[in-house]
Protein backbone atom coordinates (compact mmCIF):
# COMPACT_ATOMS: atom_id res chain seq x y z
CA UNK A 1 -15.56 40.97 -7.00
CA UNK A 2 -16.35 42.50 -3.42
CA UNK A 3 -14.02 44.18 -1.44
CA UNK A 4 -13.47 41.16 0.47
CA UNK A 5 -13.53 38.80 -1.48
CA UNK A 6 -10.37 41.19 -2.96
CA UNK A 7 -8.59 40.86 0.21
CA UNK A 8 -9.25 37.20 0.70
CA UNK A 9 -7.57 36.40 -2.65
CA UNK A 10 -4.52 38.80 -2.04
CA UNK A 11 -4.34 37.16 1.74
CA UNK A 12 -3.51 33.71 -0.46
CA UNK A 13 -1.57 34.82 -3.11
CA UNK A 14 0.80 37.03 -0.78
CA UNK A 15 0.80 33.78 1.72
CA UNK A 16 3.53 31.76 -0.22
CA UNK A 17 5.71 34.63 -0.80
CA UNK A 18 5.67 35.46 2.76
CA UNK A 19 6.51 31.90 4.22
CA UNK A 20 9.29 32.10 1.40
CA UNK A 21 10.90 35.43 2.27
CA UNK A 22 10.39 36.18 6.03
CA UNK A 23 11.73 33.99 8.26
CA UNK A 24 9.65 35.67 11.14
CA UNK A 25 6.34 34.57 9.33
CA UNK A 26 7.77 30.97 9.07
CA UNK A 27 8.81 31.06 12.33
CA UNK A 28 5.00 31.58 13.69
CA UNK A 29 3.29 30.24 10.49
CA UNK A 30 4.91 26.59 11.74
CA UNK A 31 4.42 26.96 15.25
CA UNK A 32 0.61 27.70 14.05
CA UNK A 33 0.56 24.46 12.01
CA UNK A 34 1.90 22.50 14.92
CA UNK A 35 -0.13 23.60 17.68
CA UNK A 36 -3.05 23.73 15.08
CA UNK A 37 -2.81 19.76 14.02
CA UNK A 38 -2.09 19.07 18.00
CA UNK A 39 -5.64 21.02 18.63
CA UNK A 40 -7.59 19.09 16.08
CA UNK A 41 -6.07 15.58 16.85
CA UNK A 42 -7.16 16.28 20.43
CA UNK A 43 -10.63 16.82 19.41
CA UNK A 44 -10.17 13.38 17.35
CA UNK A 45 -9.20 11.48 20.02
CA UNK A 46 -11.24 12.39 22.77
CA UNK A 47 -14.42 10.49 21.90
CA UNK A 48 -11.76 7.75 21.72
CA UNK A 49 -9.91 7.88 24.37
CA UNK A 50 -13.39 8.47 26.88
CA UNK A 51 -13.34 4.69 26.83
CA UNK A 52 -10.26 3.86 28.28
CA UNK A 53 -9.78 7.43 30.56
CA UNK A 54 -6.39 8.13 32.31
CA UNK A 55 -4.90 5.20 30.21
CA UNK A 56 -1.42 6.20 29.08
CA UNK A 57 -1.49 3.33 25.97
CA UNK A 58 -3.64 6.70 24.49
CA UNK A 59 -0.92 8.34 24.02
CA UNK A 60 0.54 5.85 21.38
CA UNK A 61 -2.79 6.26 19.22
CA UNK A 62 -2.14 10.54 19.75
CA UNK A 63 1.77 10.23 18.96
CA UNK A 64 1.01 7.97 15.85
CA UNK A 65 -1.84 10.64 14.47
CA UNK A 66 0.35 13.59 15.69
CA UNK A 67 4.36 12.01 14.20
CA UNK A 68 3.05 13.69 10.49
CA UNK A 69 4.01 17.31 12.31
CA UNK A 70 7.45 16.55 11.80
CA UNK A 71 7.20 15.87 8.51
CA UNK A 72 5.19 19.10 7.96
CA UNK A 73 7.81 21.19 9.66
CA UNK A 74 10.73 19.47 8.01
CA UNK A 75 12.44 17.66 11.10
CA UNK A 76 13.82 14.17 10.83
CA UNK A 77 14.21 12.37 14.23
CA UNK A 78 17.54 9.21 14.65
CA UNK A 79 16.97 7.24 18.29
CA UNK A 80 20.07 5.81 19.39
CA UNK A 81 19.58 3.41 22.15
CA UNK A 82 15.94 2.50 21.96
CA UNK A 83 16.51 -0.82 23.10
CA UNK A 84 16.24 0.35 26.62
CA UNK A 85 13.00 2.18 25.83
CA UNK A 86 11.50 -1.24 24.97
CA UNK A 87 12.06 -3.16 28.11
CA UNK A 88 8.82 -3.43 30.46
CA UNK A 89 10.96 -1.38 33.45
CA UNK A 90 9.07 1.57 35.32
CA UNK A 91 12.10 4.33 34.79
CA UNK A 92 12.18 7.48 35.48
CA UNK A 93 12.91 8.94 32.68
CA UNK A 94 14.69 12.36 32.67
CA UNK A 95 15.39 14.15 29.13
CA UNK A 96 16.84 17.67 28.42
CA UNK A 97 14.37 20.32 27.81
CA UNK A 98 14.76 22.93 24.86
CA UNK A 99 11.48 23.66 23.36
CA UNK A 100 7.91 22.42 23.25
CA UNK A 101 9.21 20.90 19.96
CA UNK A 102 10.87 18.13 22.44
CA UNK A 103 7.00 17.02 22.10
CA UNK A 104 7.56 15.99 18.62
CA UNK A 105 10.31 13.79 19.76
CA UNK A 106 8.41 12.03 22.33
CA UNK A 107 5.81 11.19 19.47
CA UNK A 108 8.51 9.11 18.10
CA UNK A 109 9.46 7.07 20.76
CA UNK A 110 5.99 6.25 22.06
CA UNK A 111 5.34 3.64 19.74
CA UNK A 112 8.72 2.17 21.00
CA UNK A 113 8.49 2.72 25.00
CA UNK A 114 5.05 1.82 25.04
CA UNK A 115 3.53 2.61 28.54
CA UNK A 116 5.21 5.81 29.59
CA UNK A 117 3.21 8.85 31.08
CA UNK A 118 4.66 12.31 31.45
CA UNK A 119 5.17 15.13 34.22
CA UNK A 120 3.49 18.34 32.88
CA UNK A 121 2.76 21.89 34.39
CA UNK A 122 -0.41 21.97 35.36
CA UNK A 123 -1.31 25.04 32.98
CA UNK A 124 -1.75 22.45 29.92
CA UNK A 125 -4.44 21.07 31.74
CA UNK A 126 -6.57 24.10 31.04
CA UNK A 127 -5.17 24.72 27.23
CA UNK A 128 -8.59 22.85 26.05
CA UNK A 129 -9.10 20.77 24.36
CA UNK A 130 -5.82 19.36 24.24
CA UNK A 131 -5.57 19.43 28.19
CA UNK A 132 -8.59 17.05 28.10
CA UNK A 133 -6.83 14.85 25.93
CA UNK A 134 -3.90 14.75 27.89
CA UNK A 135 -5.70 14.25 31.33
CA UNK A 136 -7.25 11.22 29.29
CA UNK A 137 -3.47 10.14 28.41
CA UNK A 138 -2.86 9.81 32.38
CA UNK A 139 -0.17 12.69 32.51
CA UNK A 140 0.29 13.79 35.98
CA UNK A 141 0.15 17.25 36.22
CA UNK A 142 2.14 19.35 38.66
CA UNK A 143 2.72 22.97 40.32
CA UNK A 144 5.82 24.20 39.00
CA UNK A 145 5.70 26.99 41.59
CA UNK A 146 5.30 24.77 44.85
CA UNK A 147 8.13 22.29 44.80
CA UNK A 148 6.67 20.55 47.90
CA UNK A 149 3.23 20.15 46.25
CA UNK A 150 4.90 18.86 43.23
CA UNK A 151 7.18 16.20 44.81
CA UNK A 152 3.72 15.02 46.52
CA UNK A 153 1.92 14.59 43.40
CA UNK A 154 4.84 12.48 42.07
CA UNK A 155 5.26 10.44 44.87
CA UNK A 156 1.34 9.80 44.92
CA UNK A 157 1.63 8.46 41.24
CA UNK A 158 5.23 6.33 41.49
CA UNK A 159 4.08 3.38 43.51
CA UNK A 160 0.95 2.88 40.81
CA UNK A 161 3.37 3.26 37.69
CA UNK A 162 5.76 0.77 39.37
CA UNK A 163 3.08 -1.73 39.80
CA UNK A 164 1.66 -1.27 36.10
CA UNK A 165 5.51 -1.51 34.44
CA UNK A 166 4.84 2.16 33.42
CA UNK A 167 7.74 4.26 32.92
CA UNK A 168 7.45 8.13 33.82
CA UNK A 169 8.85 10.95 31.75
CA UNK A 170 10.09 13.86 33.57
CA UNK A 171 12.29 17.02 32.07
CA UNK A 172 14.33 17.74 35.48
CA UNK A 173 15.40 21.58 34.29
CA UNK A 174 11.63 22.81 34.93
CA UNK A 175 11.40 25.41 31.96
CA UNK A 176 12.46 24.56 28.61
CA UNK A 177 15.62 26.67 27.75
CA UNK A 178 17.32 26.46 24.22
CA UNK A 179 20.58 28.20 25.41
CA UNK A 180 22.62 25.29 23.92
CA UNK A 181 23.32 23.57 27.06
CA UNK A 182 21.95 21.50 30.00
CA UNK A 183 21.04 23.72 33.27
CA UNK A 184 20.93 22.56 36.50
CA UNK A 185 18.10 19.64 37.81
CA UNK A 186 15.31 19.88 40.10
CA UNK A 187 14.72 17.40 42.37
CA UNK A 188 11.55 15.75 41.67
CA UNK A 189 12.49 13.33 39.53
CA UNK A 190 15.27 11.79 41.69
CA UNK A 191 13.48 12.15 45.29
CA UNK A 192 10.52 9.77 43.17
CA UNK A 193 13.02 7.60 41.63
CA UNK A 194 15.12 6.92 45.08
CA UNK A 195 12.28 6.51 47.34
CA UNK A 196 10.41 4.33 45.01
CA UNK A 197 13.95 2.28 44.22
CA UNK A 198 13.40 2.79 40.44
CA UNK A 199 16.49 3.58 38.07
CA UNK A 200 16.91 6.23 36.30
CA UNK A 201 16.88 6.25 32.05
CA UNK A 202 18.76 9.44 30.86
CA UNK A 203 17.26 10.55 27.64
CA UNK A 204 19.67 13.32 25.58
CA UNK A 205 18.23 15.76 22.64
CA UNK A 206 21.00 17.09 20.67
CA UNK A 207 21.23 20.80 20.26
CA UNK A 208 17.98 22.46 18.42
CA UNK A 209 20.50 24.30 16.11
CA UNK A 210 17.61 24.77 13.62
CA UNK A 211 15.68 26.99 16.22
CA UNK A 212 16.77 30.45 17.30
CA UNK A 213 13.71 32.26 19.28
CA UNK A 214 15.06 35.60 19.57
CA UNK A 215 15.83 35.60 16.17
CA UNK A 216 12.43 34.27 15.28
CA UNK A 217 13.92 31.35 13.24
CA UNK A 218 12.70 27.29 12.69
CA UNK A 219 14.47 25.81 9.63
CA UNK A 220 14.49 22.47 8.62
CA UNK A 221 16.82 20.33 10.89
CA UNK A 222 17.48 16.94 12.50
CA UNK A 223 17.74 16.07 15.86
CA UNK A 224 19.23 12.92 17.53
CA UNK A 225 17.97 11.57 20.42
CA UNK A 226 20.47 9.32 22.85
CA UNK A 227 18.86 6.88 25.65
CA UNK A 228 21.71 6.05 27.72
CA UNK A 229 22.19 2.89 29.87
CA UNK A 230 19.85 3.30 33.22
CA UNK A 231 21.42 4.25 36.25
CA UNK A 232 20.07 2.33 39.29
CA UNK A 233 19.08 3.57 42.65
CA UNK A 234 18.42 0.45 44.70
CA UNK A 235 20.11 0.53 48.14
CA UNK A 236 20.48 4.70 47.87
CA UNK A 237 18.78 6.48 50.20
CA UNK A 238 17.58 10.16 50.44
CA UNK A 239 21.00 11.72 51.78
CA UNK A 240 22.26 10.11 48.29
CA UNK A 241 20.10 12.34 45.72
CA UNK A 242 22.69 15.11 45.35
CA UNK A 243 25.12 12.84 44.34
CA UNK A 244 22.66 11.00 41.97
CA UNK A 245 21.69 14.26 40.35
CA UNK A 246 25.25 15.19 39.70
CA UNK A 247 26.33 12.13 38.18
CA UNK A 248 22.81 12.04 36.03
CA UNK A 249 23.36 15.54 34.93
CA UNK A 250 27.51 14.95 34.17
CA UNK A 251 26.37 11.81 32.28
CA UNK A 252 23.93 13.61 30.22
CA UNK A 253 25.90 16.98 29.52
CA UNK A 254 29.00 14.70 28.26
CA UNK A 255 26.62 13.05 25.84
CA UNK A 256 25.03 16.15 25.03
CA UNK A 257 27.88 17.84 23.86
CA UNK A 258 29.61 15.02 22.29
CA UNK A 259 26.57 13.79 20.15
CA UNK A 260 25.59 17.38 19.26
CA UNK A 261 29.12 18.25 18.15
CA UNK A 262 29.04 15.39 15.98
CA UNK A 263 25.65 16.37 14.34
CA UNK A 264 26.81 19.59 13.68
CA UNK A 265 29.97 18.15 12.10
CA UNK A 266 28.08 15.78 9.64
CA UNK A 267 25.80 18.49 8.92
CA UNK A 268 29.03 20.61 8.00
CA UNK A 269 27.34 23.81 10.34
CA UNK A 270 29.24 26.16 12.08
CA UNK A 271 29.31 25.21 15.76
CA UNK A 272 29.92 28.99 16.76
CA UNK A 273 27.63 31.08 14.11
CA UNK A 274 24.48 28.20 13.62
CA UNK A 275 23.63 27.12 17.22
CA UNK A 276 21.26 29.64 19.62
CA UNK A 277 23.59 32.00 21.59
CA UNK A 278 22.99 31.83 25.65
CA UNK A 279 20.67 34.32 26.93
């Protein structure tokens, strides 16, 4: 046996032990598998998607192929209020953003909501092959560092989305923050909703109690996704945007707190010791 073969065999023998004993190894290994499946799936679907470029229905195929990632990571999703998503109404969907794991929850929802695009940071466009697949799926890419340019990009797309009855998913907090709370919202989604007179559809993910990035922990877990009744914008003007943002934020915070506490009670977890602490 050569030295190279010895090290390869030793590595695969040690791998299960590292996964079992080291939460740090398990954390990075799970994310490696997550992103690896995403990249492989992107390569598989790109030749199919090129026949229907920039078509949001490509996301349904991608989501069906990627839903197994949750099973691999040990994550379970429960949808409440899903009937709102089935309606062919071009909602502006606003959701809280805790981690890239949010995307796994969205994979569960695409077969339900069907025509729905996502507003994403432009950096993802350059993460090939995922970026190309995302572009073929009709994602809207924005520059997070330029709020005015981002608003223009969203507003340019909103008329087309309205005419095609396509929903637009936005994370109004911007950067993901797994701190156990919903942070302040940016204006983009609300500006677009009022300008196009489209209803806001709030979606709330419960706390990711199983994810502690500081401690490098990613355990098995369960997430409740609650779709709230739409908030109408008919008749509102841009001057009404602060009140609309405040109302949406308050409603989502209330559901976030109550549904998270309910879930944690069901799982018999201690609220203080089992949640990621704010940074």
